[in-house]
Amino acid sequence: MRRALYALVLAFAAVGAWTTVQAVRRAREAKSPQSLYLAGASALYRGRFRGAVALLTDVLRAEPRNARAYYFRGLALRELRSLPSAVDDLTKALSLDPTLAGAYYERALAREDLGDVLSALSDVEFLLAAHPDRVELRSMRARLLRGIGRNYEAEEELDKALQSRPGSYFTLVDRAALRRARSDTAGSVADCAAAIALDPGLAPAYIGRAETLSDAGRSRFEEAIADQTKAIALLGQLANLRFSPHVWGSAVGLATAAHLVASLTPAPHTDNVPWPTLVEHDVGPNPLRTELLEKGLTLIDGELVVPEGPGLGVSLDEAAVKRYRVL
């Protein structure tokens, strides 16, 4: 009996010793550079940037030549807007491992944010020499060139990017801006239209086209206003805001609002009751609303009928235009 009890005590002691050893091993592993590195990378990708910096700093104390730890800490520091420190870390990562291509790109972004455009341009051009088909690199180089006034080269860079990837929305918008800067109204409008055809739910191309049309003079103001209004509606939807045009002017403006609202989704994606999108329709005396068109706009049971036909689907009554013209 005593022998059995003694054996049982020894067994429990052995199990306890093994458990303690395992606990110590796990504790050590939890603080090993590899475990800290993995935890730091995980924190970075989860958006916990301060935690990532702290963990990766511990890694670098133990492994001061860990290039990837410098790289990831540089990414976290850039997100925290500690830009000089981010540049230092990314530079150190590249000195330890020049094959870390992502470090050149991230350093270029940090340098651009610091206003060091020429150094950022050097990083991007180094990457482009190795990856000439990367559209995002060409777009970034174009942006940097534009920032130092080299617009002609920037536009050439975007031409090359669009040859590689014709369906690049933001590259088209960027080239439209450059074309607008050199007064190429037709080219700028064409680029914006191509971008809108790719994704009519994004606002930047409408904004760019509105700016180009505004620069073209009064004859294009109505088109510019329509694009600006569309952009406002889209930006409002991104913020889950309802958009309701208030039109107190002429029947032409009301027809424009009707077409605009008809192109929008019924309601933003919120917990609000999804009422139909509204257009405010003034019912007070207004001859510019009631007399300006050959055929007036139609209301049926409180709903405004969208005009059909070329353009806005309405025709001006020239006699009314002459009657109310202000010289």
C-alpha atoms as a PDB file:
ATOM      1  CA  MET A   1       0.000   0.000   0.000  1.00  0.00           C
ATOM      2  CA  ARG A   2       2.824   2.353   0.946  1.00  0.00           C
ATOM      3  CA  ARG A   3       4.661   1.498  -2.280  1.00  0.00           C
ATOM      4  CA  ALA A   4       1.548   2.257  -4.322  1.00  0.00           C
ATOM      5  CA  LEU A   5       1.049   5.565  -2.499  1.00  0.00           C
ATOM      6  CA  TYR A   6       4.732   6.451  -2.987  1.00  0.00           C
ATOM      7  CA  ALA A   7       4.483   5.683  -6.702  1.00  0.00           C
ATOM      8  CA  LEU A   8       1.396   7.839  -6.977  1.00  0.00           C
ATOM      9  CA  VAL A   9       3.175  10.754  -5.248  1.00  0.00           C
ATOM     10  CA  LEU A  10       6.122  10.394  -7.614  1.00  0.00           C
ATOM     11  CA  ALA A  11       3.776  10.365 -10.591  1.00  0.00           C
ATOM     12  CA  PHE A  12       2.071  13.561  -9.460  1.00  0.00           C
ATOM     13  CA  ALA A  13       5.467  15.163  -8.851  1.00  0.00           C
ATOM     14  CA  ALA A  14       6.635  14.186 -12.318  1.00  0.00           C
ATOM     15  CA  VAL A  15       3.477  15.571 -13.890  1.00  0.00           C
ATOM     16  CA  GLY A  16       3.882  18.780 -11.902  1.00  0.00           C
ATOM     17  CA  ALA A  17       7.506  19.147 -12.930  1.00  0.00           C
ATOM     18  CA  TRP A  18       6.636  18.534 -16.591  1.00  0.00           C
ATOM     19  CA  THR A  19       3.817  21.085 -16.412  1.00  0.00           C
ATOM     20  CA  THR A  20       6.142  23.662 -14.858  1.00  0.00           C
ATOM     21  CA  VAL A  21       8.769  23.067 -17.529  1.00  0.00           C
ATOM     22  CA  GLN A  22       6.139  23.501 -20.251  1.00  0.00           C
ATOM     23  CA  ALA A  23       4.826  26.679 -18.652  1.00  0.00           C
ATOM     24  CA  VAL A  24       8.347  28.120 -18.493  1.00  0.00           C
ATOM     25  CA  ARG A  25       8.976  27.130 -22.109  1.00  0.00           C
ATOM     26  CA  ARG A  26       5.729  28.772 -23.226  1.00  0.00           C
ATOM     27  CA  ALA A  27       6.579  31.909 -21.269  1.00  0.00           C
ATOM     28  CA  ARG A  28       9.966  32.076 -22.911  1.00  0.00           C
ATOM     29  CA  GLU A  29       8.503  31.390 -26.335  1.00  0.00           C
ATOM     30  CA  ALA A  30       5.929  34.129 -25.766  1.00  0.00           C
ATOM     31  CA  LYS A  31       8.808  36.582 -25.418  1.00  0.00           C
ATOM     32  CA  SER A  32      11.017  35.118 -28.107  1.00  0.00           C
ATOM     33  CA  PRO A  33      11.928  37.440 -30.997  1.00  0.00           C
ATOM     34  CA  GLN A  34       9.995  35.255 -33.445  1.00  0.00           C
ATOM     35  CA  SER A  35       6.827  35.358 -31.329  1.00  0.00           C
ATOM     36  CA  LEU A  36       7.179  39.101 -30.787  1.00  0.00           C
ATOM     37  CA  TYR A  37       7.734  39.599 -34.522  1.00  0.00           C
ATOM     38  CA  LEU A  38       4.585  37.640 -35.404  1.00  0.00           C
ATOM     39  CA  ALA A  39       2.586  39.531 -32.781  1.00  0.00           C
ATOM     40  CA  GLY A  40       3.916  42.849 -34.107  1.00  0.00           C
ATOM     41  CA  ALA A  41       3.020  41.969 -37.700  1.00  0.00           C
ATOM     42  CA  SER A  42      -0.458  40.898 -36.578  1.00  0.00           C
ATOM     43  CA  ALA A  43      -0.945  44.151 -34.659  1.00  0.00           C
ATOM     44  CA  LEU A  44       0.114  46.124 -37.749  1.00  0.00           C
ATOM     45  CA  TYR A  45      -2.374  44.408 -40.031  1.00  0.00           C
ATOM     46  CA  ARG A  46      -5.144  44.859 -37.463  1.00  0.00           C
ATOM     47  CA  GLY A  47      -4.488  48.596 -37.335  1.00  0.00           C
ATOM     48  CA  ARG A  48      -2.990  48.571 -33.838  1.00  0.00           C
ATOM     49  CA  PHE A  49      -0.028  50.673 -34.873  1.00  0.00           C
ATOM     50  CA  ARG A  50       1.272  51.766 -31.469  1.00  0.00           C
ATOM     51  CA  GLY A  51       1.205  48.187 -30.226  1.00  0.00           C
ATOM     52  CA  ALA A  52       3.019  47.087 -33.384  1.00  0.00           C
ATOM     53  CA  VAL A  53       5.765  49.665 -32.805  1.00  0.00           C
ATOM     54  CA  ALA A  54       6.239  48.512 -29.199  1.00  0.00           C
ATOM     55  CA  LEU A  55       6.427  44.808 -30.124  1.00  0.00           C
ATOM     56  CA  LEU A  56       8.752  45.337 -33.078  1.00  0.00           C
ATOM     57  CA  THR A  57      11.003  47.556 -30.962  1.00  0.00           C
ATOM     58  CA  ASP A  58      11.404  44.603 -28.563  1.00  0.00           C
ATOM     59  CA  VAL A  59      12.304  42.410 -31.533  1.00  0.00           C
ATOM     60  CA  LEU A  60      14.980  44.852 -32.676  1.00  0.00           C
ATOM     61  CA  ARG A  61      16.536  45.011 -29.232  1.00  0.00           C
ATOM     62  CA  ALA A  62      17.124  41.278 -29.495  1.00  0.00           C
ATOM     63  CA  GLU A  63      17.777  41.156 -33.249  1.00  0.00           C
ATOM     64  CA  PRO A  64      19.174  44.521 -34.401  1.00  0.00           C
ATOM     65  CA  ARG A  65      19.756  43.196 -37.929  1.00  0.00           C
ATOM     66  CA  ASN A  66      16.171  42.020 -38.521  1.00  0.00           C
ATOM     67  CA  ALA A  67      15.331  43.819 -41.784  1.00  0.00           C
ATOM     68  CA  ARG A  68      11.671  42.867 -41.791  1.00  0.00           C
ATOM     69  CA  ALA A  69      11.167  44.125 -38.262  1.00  0.00           C
ATOM     70  CA  TYR A  70      12.509  47.523 -39.363  1.00  0.00           C
ATOM     71  CA  TYR A  71      10.239  47.345 -42.427  1.00  0.00           C
ATOM     72  CA  PHE A  72       7.089  46.595 -40.463  1.00  0.00           C
ATOM     73  CA  ARG A  73       7.931  49.161 -37.794  1.00  0.00           C
ATOM     74  CA  GLY A  74       8.449  51.705 -40.587  1.00  0.00           C
ATOM     75  CA  LEU A  75       4.967  50.913 -41.925  1.00  0.00           C
ATOM     76  CA  ALA A  76       3.431  51.389 -38.481  1.00  0.00           C
ATOM     77  CA  LEU A  77       5.304  54.652 -37.936  1.00  0.00           C
ATOM     78  CA  ARG A  78       4.096  55.985 -41.290  1.00  0.00           C
ATOM     79  CA  GLU A  79       0.513  55.219 -40.295  1.00  0.00           C
ATOM     80  CA  LEU A  80       1.132  57.105 -37.038  1.00  0.00           C
ATOM     81  CA  ARG A  81       2.490  60.032 -39.106  1.00  0.00           C
ATOM     82  CA  SER A  82       5.918  59.735 -37.497  1.00  0.00           C
ATOM     83  CA  LEU A  83       7.321  60.256 -40.966  1.00  0.00           C
ATOM     84  CA  PRO A  84      11.031  60.990 -40.305  1.00  0.00           C
ATOM     85  CA  SER A  85      11.237  57.889 -38.083  1.00  0.00           C
ATOM     86  CA  ALA A  86       9.398  55.862 -40.719  1.00  0.00           C
ATOM     87  CA  VAL A  87      11.906  56.939 -43.378  1.00  0.00           C
ATOM     88  CA  ASP A  88      14.793  56.006 -41.048  1.00  0.00           C
ATOM     89  CA  ASP A  89      13.360  52.534 -40.391  1.00  0.00           C
ATOM     90  CA  LEU A  90      12.635  51.840 -44.050  1.00  0.00           C
ATOM     91  CA  THR A  91      16.119  53.014 -45.004  1.00  0.00           C
ATOM     92  CA  LYS A  92      17.629  50.695 -42.372  1.00  0.00           C
ATOM     93  CA  ALA A  93      15.527  47.800 -43.683  1.00  0.00           C
ATOM     94  CA  LEU A  94      16.839  48.395 -47.202  1.00  0.00           C
ATOM     95  CA  SER A  95      20.432  48.629 -46.006  1.00  0.00           C
ATOM     96  CA  LEU A  96      20.019  45.189 -44.412  1.00  0.00           C
ATOM     97  CA  ASP A  97      17.978  43.650 -47.238  1.00  0.00           C
ATOM     98  CA  PRO A  98      17.946  45.556 -50.577  1.00  0.00           C
ATOM     99  CA  THR A  99      15.448  43.030 -52.007  1.00  0.00           C
ATOM    100  CA  LEU A 100      12.589  44.456 -49.890  1.00  0.00           C
ATOM    101  CA  ALA A 101      10.904  46.207 -52.818  1.00  0.00           C
ATOM    102  CA  GLY A 102       7.942  47.231 -50.680  1.00  0.00           C
ATOM    103  CA  ALA A 103      10.251  49.311 -48.511  1.00  0.00           C
ATOM    104  CA  TYR A 104      11.158  51.515 -51.491  1.00  0.00           C
ATOM    105  CA  TYR A 105       7.470  52.138 -52.216  1.00  0.00           C
ATOM    106  CA  GLU A 106       6.573  52.870 -48.592  1.00  0.00           C
ATOM    107  CA  ARG A 107       9.615  55.117 -48.199  1.00  0.00           C
ATOM    108  CA  ALA A 108       8.557  57.007 -51.326  1.00  0.00           C
ATOM    109  CA  LEU A 109       5.108  57.586 -49.799  1.00  0.00           C
ATOM    110  CA  ALA A 110       6.624  58.802 -46.530  1.00  0.00           C
ATOM    111  CA  ARG A 111       9.057  61.077 -48.350  1.00  0.00           C
ATOM    112  CA  GLU A 112       6.241  62.492 -50.463  1.00  0.00           C
ATOM    113  CA  ASP A 113       4.244  63.263 -47.314  1.00  0.00           C
ATOM    114  CA  LEU A 114       7.326  65.002 -45.893  1.00  0.00           C
ATOM    115  CA  GLY A 115       7.572  67.126 -49.046  1.00  0.00           C
ATOM    116  CA  ASP A 116      10.807  65.475 -50.163  1.00  0.00           C
ATOM    117  CA  VAL A 117       9.487  64.936 -53.682  1.00  0.00           C
ATOM    118  CA  LEU A 118      12.846  64.409 -55.397  1.00  0.00           C
ATOM    119  CA  SER A 119      13.845  61.606 -52.998  1.00  0.00           C
ATOM    120  CA  ALA A 120      10.400  60.019 -53.376  1.00  0.00           C
ATOM    121  CA  LEU A 121      10.799  60.237 -57.149  1.00  0.00           C
ATOM    122  CA  SER A 122      14.178  58.505 -56.907  1.00  0.00           C
ATOM    123  CA  ASP A 123      12.607  55.591 -55.007  1.00  0.00           C
ATOM    124  CA  VAL A 124       9.777  55.215 -57.516  1.00  0.00           C
ATOM    125  CA  GLU A 125      12.107  55.372 -60.509  1.00  0.00           C
ATOM    126  CA  PHE A 126      14.303  52.667 -58.953  1.00  0.00           C
ATOM    127  CA  LEU A 127      11.246  50.420 -58.684  1.00  0.00           C
ATOM    128  CA  LEU A 128      10.059  51.259 -62.199  1.00  0.00           C
ATOM    129  CA  ALA A 129      13.411  50.186 -63.644  1.00  0.00           C
ATOM    130  CA  ALA A 130      12.723  46.702 -62.265  1.00  0.00           C
ATOM    131  CA  HIS A 131       8.922  46.693 -62.769  1.00  0.00           C
ATOM    132  CA  PRO A 132       8.109  48.823 -65.851  1.00  0.00           C
ATOM    133  CA  ASP A 133       4.588  47.373 -66.182  1.00  0.00           C
ATOM    134  CA  ARG A 134       3.378  48.390 -62.713  1.00  0.00           C
ATOM    135  CA  VAL A 135       0.613  50.916 -63.351  1.00  0.00           C
ATOM    136  CA  GLU A 136       0.506  52.139 -59.746  1.00  0.00           C
ATOM    137  CA  LEU A 137       4.202  53.060 -59.953  1.00  0.00           C
ATOM    138  CA  ARG A 138       3.689  55.034 -63.153  1.00  0.00           C
ATOM    139  CA  SER A 139       0.700  56.823 -61.612  1.00  0.00           C
ATOM    140  CA  MET A 140       2.751  57.698 -58.546  1.00  0.00           C
ATOM    141  CA  ARG A 141       5.668  58.934 -60.656  1.00  0.00           C
ATOM    142  CA  ALA A 142       3.228  61.092 -62.622  1.00  0.00           C
ATOM    143  CA  ARG A 143       1.857  62.559 -59.393  1.00  0.00           C
ATOM    144  CA  LEU A 144       5.351  63.363 -58.150  1.00  0.00           C
ATOM    145  CA  LEU A 145       6.360  64.918 -61.480  1.00  0.00           C
ATOM    146  CA  ARG A 146       3.248  67.052 -61.438  1.00  0.00           C
ATOM    147  CA  GLY A 147       4.160  68.189 -57.928  1.00  0.00           C
ATOM    148  CA  ILE A 148       7.400  69.720 -59.215  1.00  0.00           C
ATOM    149  CA  GLY A 149       5.833  71.251 -62.323  1.00  0.00           C
ATOM    150  CA  ARG A 150       6.944  68.652 -64.854  1.00  0.00           C
ATOM    151  CA  ASN A 151       3.438  68.222 -66.240  1.00  0.00           C
ATOM    152  CA  TYR A 152       4.419  67.159 -69.750  1.00  0.00           C
ATOM    153  CA  GLU A 153       6.453  64.214 -68.411  1.00  0.00           C
ATOM    154  CA  ALA A 154       3.655  63.394 -65.970  1.00  0.00           C
ATOM    155  CA  GLU A 155       1.117  63.148 -68.783  1.00  0.00           C
ATOM    156  CA  GLU A 156       3.474  60.940 -70.797  1.00  0.00           C
ATOM    157  CA  GLU A 157       3.762  58.639 -67.775  1.00  0.00           C
ATOM    158  CA  LEU A 158      -0.017  58.363 -67.515  1.00  0.00           C
ATOM    159  CA  ASP A 159      -0.241  57.629 -71.239  1.00  0.00           C
ATOM    160  CA  LYS A 160       2.075  54.666 -70.677  1.00  0.00           C
ATOM    161  CA  ALA A 161       0.055  53.530 -67.662  1.00  0.00           C
ATOM    162  CA  LEU A 162      -3.181  53.591 -69.661  1.00  0.00           C
ATOM    163  CA  GLN A 163      -1.563  51.653 -72.493  1.00  0.00           C
ATOM    164  CA  SER A 164      -0.829  48.902 -69.968  1.00  0.00           C
ATOM    165  CA  ARG A 165      -4.208  49.137 -68.232  1.00  0.00           C
ATOM    166  CA  PRO A 166      -6.841  51.097 -70.201  1.00  0.00           C
ATOM    167  CA  GLY A 167      -9.524  50.569 -67.574  1.00  0.00           C
ATOM    168  CA  SER A 168      -7.777  52.420 -64.743  1.00  0.00           C
ATOM    169  CA  TYR A 169     -10.299  54.859 -63.249  1.00  0.00           C
ATOM    170  CA  PHE A 170      -7.988  57.100 -61.222  1.00  0.00           C
ATOM    171  CA  THR A 171      -5.303  57.163 -63.904  1.00  0.00           C
ATOM    172  CA  LEU A 172      -7.899  58.582 -66.294  1.00  0.00           C
ATOM    173  CA  VAL A 173      -8.966  61.169 -63.699  1.00  0.00           C
ATOM    174  CA  ASP A 174      -5.334  62.172 -63.123  1.00  0.00           C
ATOM    175  CA  ARG A 175      -4.677  62.560 -66.846  1.00  0.00           C
ATOM    176  CA  ALA A 176      -7.859  64.594 -67.224  1.00  0.00           C
ATOM    177  CA  ALA A 177      -6.482  67.044 -64.653  1.00  0.00           C
ATOM    178  CA  LEU A 178      -3.231  67.400 -66.588  1.00  0.00           C
ATOM    179  CA  ARG A 179      -5.095  67.918 -69.835  1.00  0.00           C
ATOM    180  CA  ARG A 180      -7.261  70.543 -68.167  1.00  0.00           C
ATOM    181  CA  ALA A 181      -4.108  72.327 -66.988  1.00  0.00           C
ATOM    182  CA  ARG A 182      -2.964  72.759 -70.591  1.00  0.00           C
ATOM    183  CA  SER A 183      -6.487  73.821 -71.722  1.00  0.00           C
ATOM    184  CA  ASP A 184      -7.238  70.579 -73.595  1.00  0.00           C
ATOM    185  CA  THR A 185     -10.947  70.712 -72.779  1.00  0.00           C
ATOM    186  CA  ALA A 186     -11.981  67.953 -75.187  1.00  0.00           C
ATOM    187  CA  GLY A 187      -9.267  65.573 -73.964  1.00  0.00           C
ATOM    188  CA  SER A 188     -10.020  66.235 -70.311  1.00  0.00           C
ATOM    189  CA  VAL A 189     -13.773  65.755 -70.764  1.00  0.00           C
ATOM    190  CA  ALA A 190     -13.136  62.543 -72.722  1.00  0.00           C
ATOM    191  CA  ASP A 191     -10.957  61.117 -69.945  1.00  0.00           C
ATOM    192  CA  CYS A 192     -13.568  61.952 -67.289  1.00  0.00           C
ATOM    193  CA  ALA A 193     -16.328  60.424 -69.416  1.00  0.00           C
ATOM    194  CA  ALA A 194     -14.268  57.244 -69.834  1.00  0.00           C
ATOM    195  CA  ALA A 195     -13.755  57.072 -66.061  1.00  0.00           C
ATOM    196  CA  ILE A 196     -17.477  57.604 -65.410  1.00  0.00           C
ATOM    197  CA  ALA A 197     -18.285  54.783 -67.834  1.00  0.00           C
ATOM    198  CA  LEU A 198     -15.981  52.516 -65.807  1.00  0.00           C
ATOM    199  CA  ASP A 199     -17.634  53.375 -62.481  1.00  0.00           C
ATOM    200  CA  PRO A 200     -20.525  55.858 -62.444  1.00  0.00           C
ATOM    201  CA  GLY A 201     -20.791  55.520 -58.674  1.00  0.00           C
ATOM    202  CA  LEU A 202     -17.555  57.393 -57.903  1.00  0.00           C
ATOM    203  CA  ALA A 203     -17.416  61.172 -57.538  1.00  0.00           C
ATOM    204  CA  PRO A 204     -13.872  62.225 -58.649  1.00  0.00           C
ATOM    205  CA  ALA A 205     -14.540  62.018 -62.406  1.00  0.00           C
ATOM    206  CA  TYR A 206     -17.694  64.134 -62.075  1.00  0.00           C
ATOM    207  CA  ILE A 207     -15.739  66.699 -60.058  1.00  0.00           C
ATOM    208  CA  GLY A 208     -12.924  66.766 -62.620  1.00  0.00           C
ATOM    209  CA  ARG A 209     -15.313  67.145 -65.537  1.00  0.00           C
ATOM    210  CA  ALA A 210     -17.201  69.919 -63.738  1.00  0.00           C
ATOM    211  CA  GLU A 211     -13.952  71.834 -63.215  1.00  0.00           C
ATOM    212  CA  THR A 212     -13.029  71.442 -66.887  1.00  0.00           C
ATOM    213  CA  LEU A 213     -16.466  72.548 -68.075  1.00  0.00           C
ATOM    214  CA  SER A 214     -16.417  75.543 -65.721  1.00  0.00           C
ATOM    215  CA  ASP A 215     -13.066  76.611 -67.152  1.00  0.00           C
ATOM    216  CA  ALA A 216     -14.550  76.374 -70.671  1.00  0.00           C
ATOM    217  CA  GLY A 217     -16.844  79.333 -70.046  1.00  0.00           C
ATOM    218  CA  ARG A 218     -20.486  80.205 -69.482  1.00  0.00           C
ATOM    219  CA  SER A 219     -21.733  78.061 -72.355  1.00  0.00           C
ATOM    220  CA  ARG A 220     -20.769  74.935 -70.375  1.00  0.00           C
ATOM    221  CA  PHE A 221     -21.893  76.098 -66.922  1.00  0.00           C
ATOM    222  CA  GLU A 222     -25.130  74.079 -66.895  1.00  0.00           C
ATOM    223  CA  GLU A 223     -23.231  70.870 -67.671  1.00  0.00           C
ATOM    224  CA  ALA A 224     -20.708  71.735 -64.959  1.00  0.00           C
ATOM    225  CA  ILE A 225     -23.458  72.335 -62.410  1.00  0.00           C
ATOM    226  CA  ALA A 226     -25.074  68.987 -63.275  1.00  0.00           C
ATOM    227  CA  ASP A 227     -21.759  67.195 -62.699  1.00  0.00           C
ATOM    228  CA  GLN A 228     -21.102  69.050 -59.454  1.00  0.00           C
ATOM    229  CA  THR A 229     -24.574  68.150 -58.218  1.00  0.00           C
ATOM    230  CA  LYS A 230     -24.076  64.497 -59.135  1.00  0.00           C
ATOM    231  CA  ALA A 231     -20.771  64.478 -57.239  1.00  0.00           C
ATOM    232  CA  ILE A 232     -22.427  66.014 -54.161  1.00  0.00           C
ATOM    233  CA  ALA A 233     -25.106  63.316 -54.268  1.00  0.00           C
ATOM    234  CA  LEU A 234     -22.535  60.520 -54.509  1.00  0.00           C
ATOM    235  CA  LEU A 235     -20.412  61.943 -51.697  1.00  0.00           C
ATOM    236  CA  GLY A 236     -23.540  62.251 -49.574  1.00  0.00           C
ATOM    237  CA  GLN A 237     -24.389  58.613 -50.177  1.00  0.00           C
ATOM    238  CA  LEU A 238     -20.918  57.595 -49.002  1.00  0.00           C
ATOM    239  CA  ALA A 239     -21.758  59.294 -45.702  1.00  0.00           C
ATOM    240  CA  ASN A 240     -25.261  57.728 -45.663  1.00  0.00           C
ATOM    241  CA  LEU A 241     -26.909  61.098 -46.175  1.00  0.00           C
ATOM    242  CA  ARG A 242     -30.118  61.569 -48.125  1.00  0.00           C
ATOM    243  CA  PHE A 243     -29.914  63.896 -51.125  1.00  0.00           C
ATOM    244  CA  SER A 244     -32.876  66.076 -52.122  1.00  0.00           C
ATOM    245  CA  PRO A 245     -32.335  68.852 -54.699  1.00  0.00           C
ATOM    246  CA  HIS A 246     -34.092  72.145 -53.922  1.00  0.00           C
ATOM    247  CA  VAL A 247     -34.866  73.792 -57.241  1.00  0.00           C
ATOM    248  CA  TRP A 248     -36.325  77.305 -57.123  1.00  0.00           C
ATOM    249  CA  GLY A 249     -35.256  78.494 -60.544  1.00  0.00           C
ATOM    250  CA  SER A 250     -36.409  77.572 -64.028  1.00  0.00           C
ATOM    251  CA  ALA A 251     -38.065  74.530 -65.567  1.00  0.00           C
ATOM    252  CA  VAL A 252     -34.683  73.646 -67.078  1.00  0.00           C
ATOM    253  CA  GLY A 253     -33.190  73.335 -63.592  1.00  0.00           C
ATOM    254  CA  LEU A 254     -36.149  71.263 -62.446  1.00  0.00           C
ATOM    255  CA  ALA A 255     -35.786  68.918 -65.428  1.00  0.00           C
ATOM    256  CA  THR A 256     -32.085  68.551 -64.624  1.00  0.00           C
ATOM    257  CA  ALA A 257     -32.906  67.690 -61.006  1.00  0.00           C
ATOM    258  CA  ALA A 258     -35.456  65.100 -62.130  1.00  0.00           C
ATOM    259  CA  HIS A 259     -32.877  63.326 -64.296  1.00  0.00           C
ATOM    260  CA  LEU A 260     -30.291  63.494 -61.528  1.00  0.00           C
ATOM    261  CA  VAL A 261     -32.554  62.021 -58.870  1.00  0.00           C
ATOM    262  CA  ALA A 262     -33.732  59.314 -61.251  1.00  0.00           C
ATOM    263  CA  SER A 263     -30.105  58.192 -61.569  1.00  0.00           C
ATOM    264  CA  LEU A 264     -29.626  57.726 -57.802  1.00  0.00           C
ATOM    265  CA  THR A 265     -30.394  54.766 -55.577  1.00  0.00           C
ATOM    266  CA  PRO A 266     -33.742  55.059 -53.728  1.00  0.00           C
ATOM    267  CA  ALA A 267     -32.159  55.676 -50.336  1.00  0.00           C
ATOM    268  CA  PRO A 268     -28.810  55.505 -48.563  1.00  0.00           C
ATOM    269  CA  HIS A 269     -27.936  52.348 -46.666  1.00  0.00           C
ATOM    270  CA  THR A 270     -28.969  53.368 -43.172  1.00  0.00           C
ATOM    271  CA  ASP A 271     -31.500  52.352 -40.550  1.00  0.00           C
ATOM    272  CA  ASN A 272     -33.736  55.209 -41.746  1.00  0.00           C
ATOM    273  CA  VAL A 273     -37.052  54.407 -43.333  1.00  0.00           C
ATOM    274  CA  PRO A 274     -36.177  54.168 -47.058  1.00  0.00           C
ATOM    275  CA  TRP A 275     -38.416  56.940 -48.357  1.00  0.00           C
ATOM    276  CA  PRO A 276     -38.089  57.601 -52.089  1.00  0.00           C
ATOM    277  CA  THR A 277     -35.541  60.228 -53.072  1.00  0.00           C
ATOM    278  CA  LEU A 278     -37.236  63.614 -53.131  1.00  0.00           C
ATOM    279  CA  VAL A 279     -37.137  66.651 -55.421  1.00  0.00           C
ATOM    280  CA  GLU A 280     -38.525  69.851 -53.979  1.00  0.00           C
ATOM    281  CA  HIS A 281     -41.072  71.189 -56.486  1.00  0.00           C
ATOM    282  CA  ASP A 282     -42.059  74.809 -55.938  1.00  0.00           C
ATOM    283  CA  VAL A 283     -45.781  75.408 -56.524  1.00  0.00           C
ATOM    284  CA  GLY A 284     -45.672  79.193 -56.082  1.00  0.00           C
ATOM    285  CA  PRO A 285     -46.064  81.582 -59.030  1.00  0.00           C
ATOM    286  CA  ASN A 286     -42.993  81.285 -61.252  1.00  0.00           C
ATOM    287  CA  PRO A 287     -43.303  81.941 -65.002  1.00  0.00           C
ATOM    288  CA  LEU A 288     -39.792  80.572 -65.584  1.00  0.00           C
ATOM    289  CA  ARG A 289     -41.132  77.232 -64.396  1.00  0.00           C
ATOM    290  CA  THR A 290     -44.566  77.291 -65.949  1.00  0.00           C
ATOM    291  CA  GLU A 291     -44.012  79.161 -69.250  1.00  0.00           C
ATOM    292  CA  LEU A 292     -40.412  78.528 -70.297  1.00  0.00           C
ATOM    293  CA  LEU A 293     -40.970  75.108 -71.938  1.00  0.00           C
ATOM    294  CA  GLU A 294     -43.030  74.200 -74.993  1.00  0.00           C
ATOM    295  CA  LYS A 295     -44.425  71.321 -72.930  1.00  0.00           C
ATOM    296  CA  GLY A 296     -44.404  71.712 -69.180  1.00  0.00           C
ATOM    297  CA  LEU A 297     -43.206  69.119 -66.700  1.00  0.00           C
ATOM    298  CA  THR A 298     -45.813  66.620 -65.526  1.00  0.00           C
ATOM    299  CA  LEU A 299     -46.834  65.767 -61.966  1.00  0.00           C
ATOM    300  CA  ILE A 300     -48.853  62.583 -61.368  1.00  0.00           C
ATOM    301  CA  ASP A 301     -50.011  61.765 -57.828  1.00  0.00           C
ATOM    302  CA  GLY A 302     -47.191  63.773 -56.323  1.00  0.00           C
ATOM    303  CA  GLU A 303     -44.494  62.230 -58.525  1.00  0.00           C
ATOM    304  CA  LEU A 304     -42.528  64.194 -61.095  1.00  0.00           C
ATOM    305  CA  VAL A 305     -42.330  62.464 -64.460  1.00  0.00           C
ATOM    306  CA  VAL A 306     -38.784  62.392 -65.859  1.00  0.00           C
ATOM    307  CA  PRO A 307     -38.850  64.062 -69.305  1.00  0.00           C
ATOM    308  CA  GLU A 308     -37.952  61.812 -72.242  1.00  0.00           C
ATOM    309  CA  GLY A 309     -36.185  62.805 -75.420  1.00  0.00           C
ATOM    310  CA  PRO A 310     -32.789  64.124 -76.457  1.00  0.00           C
ATOM    311  CA  GLY A 311     -30.715  65.871 -73.772  1.00  0.00           C
ATOM    312  CA  LEU A 312     -32.890  66.833 -70.836  1.00  0.00           C
ATOM    313  CA  GLY A 313     -36.015  65.860 -72.772  1.00  0.00           C
ATOM    314  CA  VAL A 314     -37.400  69.411 -72.828  1.00  0.00           C
ATOM    315  CA  SER A 315     -37.652  72.147 -75.474  1.00  0.00           C
ATOM    316  CA  LEU A 316     -37.610  75.862 -74.770  1.00  0.00           C
ATOM    317  CA  ASP A 317     -40.482  78.093 -75.812  1.00  0.00           C
ATOM    318  CA  GLU A 318     -38.502  80.726 -77.749  1.00  0.00           C
ATOM    319  CA  ALA A 319     -41.262  83.318 -77.343  1.00  0.00           C
ATOM    320  CA  ALA A 320     -41.102  82.893 -73.553  1.00  0.00           C
ATOM    321  CA  VAL A 321     -37.320  83.089 -73.630  1.00  0.00           C
ATOM    322  CA  LYS A 322     -37.552  86.355 -75.555  1.00  0.00           C
ATOM    323  CA  ARG A 323     -40.216  87.642 -73.202  1.00  0.00           C
ATOM    324  CA  TYR A 324     -38.218  87.042 -70.037  1.00  0.00           C
ATOM    325  CA  ARG A 325     -34.720  87.656 -71.367  1.00  0.00           C
ATOM    326  CA  VAL A 326     -32.713  90.138 -69.290  1.00  0.00           C
ATOM    327  CA  LEU A 327     -30.111  92.044 -71.311  1.00  0.00           C
END
